[in-house]
């Protein structure tokens, strides 16, 4: 990573923050940040301090704050936006989980997850353990107190755990079927796995296609797999008019009587469309 005496390319910025080049450039044009260095070639280069602030901004936007507010805020204000206290939904086991993540104790992370899963009802496990852990991971990564190696380790462990639990749950006749995926460019996977687990726990046949799938492929899979619902997960960064157009395209391509359902943080920020159902949260499953 990095070129030109420590300066970063837009590719570096995007790979480290999850933002798209278009979003970074729109923020630069509309809100005046970041302010890249221009090379004689015309290419933009960014300072490491820009990356740190953009991480905080990306997390604030993902947490539901308006870009107009987040991009204009300084780092101290951004940290105030992101501060989360230990609310009643924060299970006591989250603290030792955080310690295990920081120390990269993979066996301990798995053991603590298994212990929590055993002692909590499924929705409480997801809502009081997994959700707060993910919130902490996002904040700690954004402020730089969690390394990308630590974030990747815990993410992979969580994905493996949620998948293993789901695959042990058999589908039951008459409970319906659902295909879960994300639209092109959307790579947030954990919310998808959490929703898949809740559907499977109800006996629904779950077909999980993963992330970043072309609209035509989603529609073809729905037809071939004969599902009655297609559920698309939207992050806060994938909402807006481009997403709306993709959803309308998908809706037209789906087989007759196949529902199209959207969920995730981006669903509430996507304009209502006839024929597209919105789910406020996975607790509605």
Protein backbone atom coordinates (compact mmCIF):
# COMPACT_ATOMS: atom_id res chain seq x y z
CA UNK A 1 0.00 0.00 0.00
CA UNK A 2 1.07 3.56 -0.55
CA UNK A 3 3.11 5.41 -3.13
CA UNK A 4 4.87 8.74 -3.51
CA UNK A 5 6.45 9.26 -0.09
CA UNK A 6 3.72 7.62 1.94
CA UNK A 7 0.77 8.98 -0.02
CA UNK A 8 -2.08 6.60 -0.80
CA UNK A 9 -3.91 5.93 -4.05
CA UNK A 10 -7.69 5.94 -4.26
CA UNK A 11 -7.48 2.16 -4.57
CA UNK A 12 -5.69 2.04 -1.21
CA UNK A 13 -8.35 4.26 0.34
CA UNK A 14 -11.23 2.19 -0.99
CA UNK A 15 -9.73 -1.17 0.00
CA UNK A 16 -9.15 0.08 3.55
CA UNK A 17 -12.52 1.79 4.07
CA UNK A 18 -14.98 -0.18 1.94
CA UNK A 19 -16.01 3.05 0.20
CA UNK A 20 -16.27 3.21 -3.57
CA UNK A 21 -14.16 5.64 -5.65
CA UNK A 22 -17.36 7.40 -6.74
CA UNK A 23 -18.41 8.01 -3.13
CA UNK A 24 -14.99 9.41 -2.18
CA UNK A 25 -15.04 11.76 -5.17
CA UNK A 26 -18.61 12.89 -4.51
CA UNK A 27 -17.69 13.73 -0.92
CA UNK A 28 -14.64 15.65 -2.13
CA UNK A 29 -16.73 17.65 -4.57
CA UNK A 30 -19.79 18.17 -2.38
CA UNK A 31 -18.34 18.52 1.13
CA UNK A 32 -14.72 19.50 0.56
CA UNK A 33 -13.17 16.38 2.06
CA UNK A 34 -10.91 14.62 1.42
CA UNK A 35 -8.56 17.10 -0.21
CA UNK A 36 -6.17 14.93 -2.23
CA UNK A 37 -2.72 15.87 -3.40
CA UNK A 38 -2.61 16.21 -7.19
CA UNK A 39 0.39 14.67 -8.92
CA UNK A 40 1.79 16.18 -12.14
CA UNK A 41 0.07 13.27 -13.91
CA UNK A 42 -3.29 14.46 -12.54
CA UNK A 43 -3.76 11.42 -10.29
CA UNK A 44 -5.08 11.93 -6.77
CA UNK A 45 -3.04 10.87 -3.75
CA UNK A 46 -4.24 10.85 -0.15
CA UNK A 47 -2.48 11.32 3.19
CA UNK A 48 -2.57 8.63 5.93
CA UNK A 49 -4.52 11.13 8.06
CA UNK A 50 -7.19 11.22 5.33
CA UNK A 51 -7.50 7.43 5.61
CA UNK A 52 -7.97 7.55 9.38
CA UNK A 53 -10.72 10.15 9.12
CA UNK A 54 -12.40 8.39 6.19
CA UNK A 55 -12.54 5.19 8.25
CA UNK A 56 -14.43 7.06 10.97
CA UNK A 57 -16.71 8.69 8.40
CA UNK A 58 -17.46 5.34 6.74
CA UNK A 59 -18.39 3.84 10.10
CA UNK A 60 -20.55 6.84 11.03
CA UNK A 61 -22.43 6.63 7.72
CA UNK A 62 -22.84 2.85 8.12
CA UNK A 63 -24.26 3.59 11.57
CA UNK A 64 -26.99 5.76 10.04
CA UNK A 65 -25.53 9.28 10.24
CA UNK A 66 -25.99 11.51 7.21
CA UNK A 67 -22.89 11.91 5.01
CA UNK A 68 -23.38 15.69 5.06
CA UNK A 69 -22.91 15.63 8.84
CA UNK A 70 -20.24 12.93 9.05
CA UNK A 71 -17.93 14.22 6.31
CA UNK A 72 -17.88 17.75 7.71
CA UNK A 73 -17.21 16.60 11.28
CA UNK A 74 -13.70 16.60 12.70
CA UNK A 75 -12.22 13.43 14.21
CA UNK A 76 -13.21 14.33 17.77
CA UNK A 77 -16.82 14.91 16.72
CA UNK A 78 -16.84 11.68 14.72
CA UNK A 79 -15.70 9.70 17.74
CA UNK A 80 -18.55 11.22 19.76
CA UNK A 81 -20.98 10.10 17.04
CA UNK A 82 -19.60 6.58 17.27
CA UNK A 83 -19.34 6.20 21.04
CA UNK A 84 -21.50 3.34 22.27
CA UNK A 85 -22.11 2.66 25.92
CA UNK A 86 -22.78 -0.81 27.30
CA UNK A 87 -26.53 -0.74 26.90
CA UNK A 88 -28.85 -3.41 28.34
CA UNK A 89 -28.56 -5.24 25.02
CA UNK A 90 -24.80 -5.72 25.53
CA UNK A 91 -24.48 -9.22 27.05
CA UNK A 92 -21.74 -9.66 29.69
CA UNK A 93 -19.97 -12.21 27.49
CA UNK A 94 -19.18 -9.51 24.90
CA UNK A 95 -16.37 -8.11 27.07
CA UNK A 96 -14.35 -11.36 27.20
CA UNK A 97 -15.07 -11.79 23.49
CA UNK A 98 -13.50 -8.39 22.81
CA UNK A 99 -10.46 -9.33 24.91
CA UNK A 100 -10.08 -12.57 22.94
CA UNK A 101 -10.34 -10.67 19.64
CA UNK A 102 -7.65 -8.19 20.68
CA UNK A 103 -5.35 -11.03 21.76
CA UNK A 104 -6.20 -13.05 18.62
CA UNK A 105 -7.15 -16.08 20.74
CA UNK A 106 -9.12 -17.87 18.05
CA UNK A 107 -9.92 -20.95 20.15
CA UNK A 108 -11.23 -18.71 22.95
CA UNK A 109 -13.38 -16.71 20.52
CA UNK A 110 -14.97 -19.93 19.28
CA UNK A 111 -15.49 -21.25 22.81
CA UNK A 112 -17.13 -18.02 23.98
CA UNK A 113 -19.43 -17.94 20.95
CA UNK A 114 -20.45 -21.55 21.59
CA UNK A 115 -21.06 -20.79 25.27
CA UNK A 116 -23.22 -17.77 24.41
CA UNK A 117 -25.14 -19.71 21.77
CA UNK A 118 -25.89 -22.43 24.34
CA UNK A 119 -27.14 -20.02 27.00
CA UNK A 120 -29.19 -17.56 24.92
CA UNK A 121 -32.23 -17.93 22.70
CA UNK A 122 -31.22 -17.51 19.06
CA UNK A 123 -32.56 -13.97 18.61
CA UNK A 124 -30.97 -12.91 21.90
CA UNK A 125 -27.66 -14.46 20.85
CA UNK A 126 -27.70 -12.49 17.61
CA UNK A 127 -29.11 -9.29 19.12
CA UNK A 128 -27.22 -9.18 22.43
CA UNK A 129 -23.94 -10.87 21.52
CA UNK A 130 -23.23 -10.81 17.79
CA UNK A 131 -24.67 -7.36 17.03
CA UNK A 132 -22.82 -5.56 19.87
CA UNK A 133 -19.61 -7.40 18.97
CA UNK A 134 -19.94 -6.26 15.35
CA UNK A 135 -20.64 -2.69 16.48
CA UNK A 136 -17.50 -2.71 18.61
CA UNK A 137 -15.45 -4.20 15.76
CA UNK A 138 -16.64 -1.46 13.41
CA UNK A 139 -15.84 1.32 15.86
CA UNK A 140 -12.49 -0.11 16.96
CA UNK A 141 -11.40 -0.62 13.36
CA UNK A 142 -12.53 2.88 12.38
CA UNK A 143 -10.58 4.55 15.18
CA UNK A 144 -7.51 2.41 14.57
CA UNK A 145 -7.48 0.40 17.81
CA UNK A 146 -8.24 -2.84 15.95
CA UNK A 147 -5.95 -4.05 13.18
CA UNK A 148 -7.25 -5.39 9.91
CA UNK A 149 -5.70 -8.77 10.76
CA UNK A 150 -7.72 -8.90 13.98
CA UNK A 151 -10.90 -7.78 12.19
CA UNK A 152 -10.45 -10.44 9.51
CA UNK A 153 -9.82 -13.18 12.08
CA UNK A 154 -12.97 -12.55 14.09
CA UNK A 155 -15.07 -12.04 10.95
CA UNK A 156 -13.97 -15.39 9.52
CA UNK A 157 -14.64 -17.13 12.85
CA UNK A 158 -18.10 -15.57 13.09
CA UNK A 159 -18.94 -16.53 9.52
CA UNK A 160 -17.81 -20.12 10.11
CA UNK A 161 -19.78 -20.34 13.35
CA UNK A 162 -23.03 -18.96 11.93
CA UNK A 163 -22.73 -21.23 8.90
CA UNK A 164 -22.07 -24.35 10.98
CA UNK A 165 -25.08 -23.67 13.21
CA UNK A 166 -27.33 -23.06 10.20
CA UNK A 167 -26.29 -26.20 8.34
CA UNK A 168 -27.28 -28.30 11.35
CA UNK A 169 -30.90 -27.11 11.07
CA UNK A 170 -33.07 -29.16 8.69
CA UNK A 171 -35.67 -27.58 6.45
CA UNK A 172 -39.26 -28.57 7.24
CA UNK A 173 -42.05 -29.21 4.73
CA UNK A 174 -44.49 -26.35 4.30
CA UNK A 175 -42.24 -23.68 5.82
CA UNK A 176 -41.35 -22.08 2.49
CA UNK A 177 -38.03 -21.28 0.85
CA UNK A 178 -35.83 -18.21 0.63
CA UNK A 179 -32.84 -17.22 -1.48
CA UNK A 180 -30.50 -14.76 0.24
CA UNK A 181 -27.93 -12.63 -1.54
CA UNK A 182 -26.69 -9.08 -2.18
CA UNK A 183 -26.65 -6.89 -5.26
CA UNK A 184 -23.59 -6.11 -7.41
CA UNK A 185 -20.95 -4.19 -5.47
CA UNK A 186 -22.38 -5.13 -2.05
CA UNK A 187 -19.90 -7.27 -0.09
CA UNK A 188 -21.25 -7.19 3.47
CA UNK A 189 -21.78 -10.86 4.35
CA UNK A 190 -22.43 -11.20 8.09
CA UNK A 191 -25.93 -9.71 8.04
CA UNK A 192 -26.81 -12.18 5.32
CA UNK A 193 -25.57 -15.11 7.42
CA UNK A 194 -27.50 -13.92 10.46
CA UNK A 195 -30.72 -13.69 8.45
CA UNK A 196 -30.07 -17.11 6.90
CA UNK A 197 -29.68 -18.63 10.38
CA UNK A 198 -32.97 -17.15 11.59
CA UNK A 199 -34.82 -18.42 8.53
CA UNK A 200 -33.30 -21.88 8.95
CA UNK A 201 -34.31 -21.95 12.63
CA UNK A 202 -37.93 -21.57 11.48
CA UNK A 203 -37.59 -24.56 9.18
CA UNK A 204 -37.44 -22.48 6.01
CA UNK A 205 -35.36 -23.94 3.17
CA UNK A 206 -32.45 -21.52 2.81
CA UNK A 207 -30.49 -21.06 -0.40
CA UNK A 208 -27.56 -18.75 0.30
CA UNK A 209 -25.84 -17.35 -2.79
CA UNK A 210 -23.39 -15.03 -1.04
CA UNK A 211 -22.54 -11.49 -2.03
CA UNK A 212 -21.99 -9.27 -5.06
CA UNK A 213 -24.23 -11.12 -7.52
CA UNK A 214 -25.50 -9.82 -10.90
CA UNK A 215 -29.24 -9.23 -11.07
CA UNK A 216 -29.72 -11.71 -13.92
CA UNK A 217 -27.92 -14.42 -11.93
CA UNK A 218 -30.13 -13.83 -8.88
CA UNK A 219 -33.26 -14.16 -11.02
CA UNK A 220 -31.99 -17.29 -12.77
CA UNK A 221 -31.15 -18.88 -9.42
CA UNK A 222 -34.60 -18.05 -8.03
CA UNK A 223 -36.19 -19.78 -11.01
CA UNK A 224 -33.94 -22.84 -10.92
CA UNK A 225 -34.13 -23.28 -7.15
CA UNK A 226 -37.92 -22.65 -7.12
CA UNK A 227 -37.86 -20.38 -4.09
CA UNK A 228 -40.89 -18.37 -3.03
CA UNK A 229 -38.88 -15.42 -1.61
CA UNK A 230 -35.73 -13.59 -2.66
CA UNK A 231 -34.24 -11.61 0.25
CA UNK A 232 -31.61 -8.99 -0.60
CA UNK A 233 -29.42 -7.48 2.12
CA UNK A 234 -28.55 -3.79 1.70
CA UNK A 235 -25.89 -1.98 3.71
CA UNK A 236 -26.16 1.75 4.31
CA UNK A 237 -23.64 2.35 1.55
CA UNK A 238 -25.65 0.48 -1.07
CA UNK A 239 -28.88 2.45 -0.70
CA UNK A 240 -30.03 5.16 -3.10
CA UNK A 241 -31.22 5.48 -6.67
CA UNK A 242 -28.71 3.05 -8.30
CA UNK A 243 -29.83 0.36 -5.84
CA UNK A 244 -33.47 1.17 -6.53
CA UNK A 245 -32.92 0.67 -10.26
CA UNK A 246 -31.24 -2.68 -9.67
CA UNK A 247 -34.11 -3.81 -7.46
CA UNK A 248 -36.72 -2.83 -10.05
CA UNK A 249 -34.75 -4.74 -12.68
CA UNK A 250 -34.62 -7.77 -10.40
CA UNK A 251 -38.34 -7.53 -9.65
CA UNK A 252 -39.16 -7.66 -13.36
CA UNK A 253 -36.96 -10.73 -13.85
CA UNK A 254 -38.24 -12.81 -10.94
CA UNK A 255 -40.62 -15.72 -11.55
CA UNK A 256 -44.35 -15.11 -10.94
CA UNK A 257 -45.42 -15.27 -7.28
CA UNK A 258 -41.84 -14.93 -6.02
CA UNK A 259 -41.62 -12.22 -3.35
CA UNK A 260 -38.79 -9.69 -3.30
CA UNK A 261 -37.78 -8.64 0.20
CA UNK A 262 -35.07 -6.16 1.21
CA UNK A 263 -33.45 -5.81 4.62
CA UNK A 264 -30.41 -4.37 6.32
CA UNK A 265 -29.47 -0.80 7.19
CA UNK A 266 -29.82 0.34 3.59
CA UNK A 267 -33.42 -0.89 3.24
CA UNK A 268 -34.89 1.96 5.28
CA UNK A 269 -33.03 4.49 3.13
CA UNK A 270 -34.28 3.06 -0.17
CA UNK A 271 -37.48 4.62 -1.53
CA UNK A 272 -40.56 2.45 -1.40
CA UNK A 273 -41.32 0.48 -4.54
CA UNK A 274 -44.48 -1.38 -5.40
CA UNK A 275 -43.80 -5.09 -5.22
CA UNK A 276 -40.70 -4.75 -3.03
CA UNK A 277 -41.25 -5.52 0.66
CA UNK A 278 -39.03 -3.99 3.33
CA UNK A 279 -37.94 -5.62 6.57
CA UNK A 280 -36.88 -3.26 9.35
CA UNK A 281 -34.57 -5.78 11.03
CA UNK A 282 -33.76 -9.45 11.34
CA UNK A 283 -35.96 -9.59 14.46
CA UNK A 284 -38.91 -9.54 12.03
CA UNK A 285 -37.94 -12.91 10.58
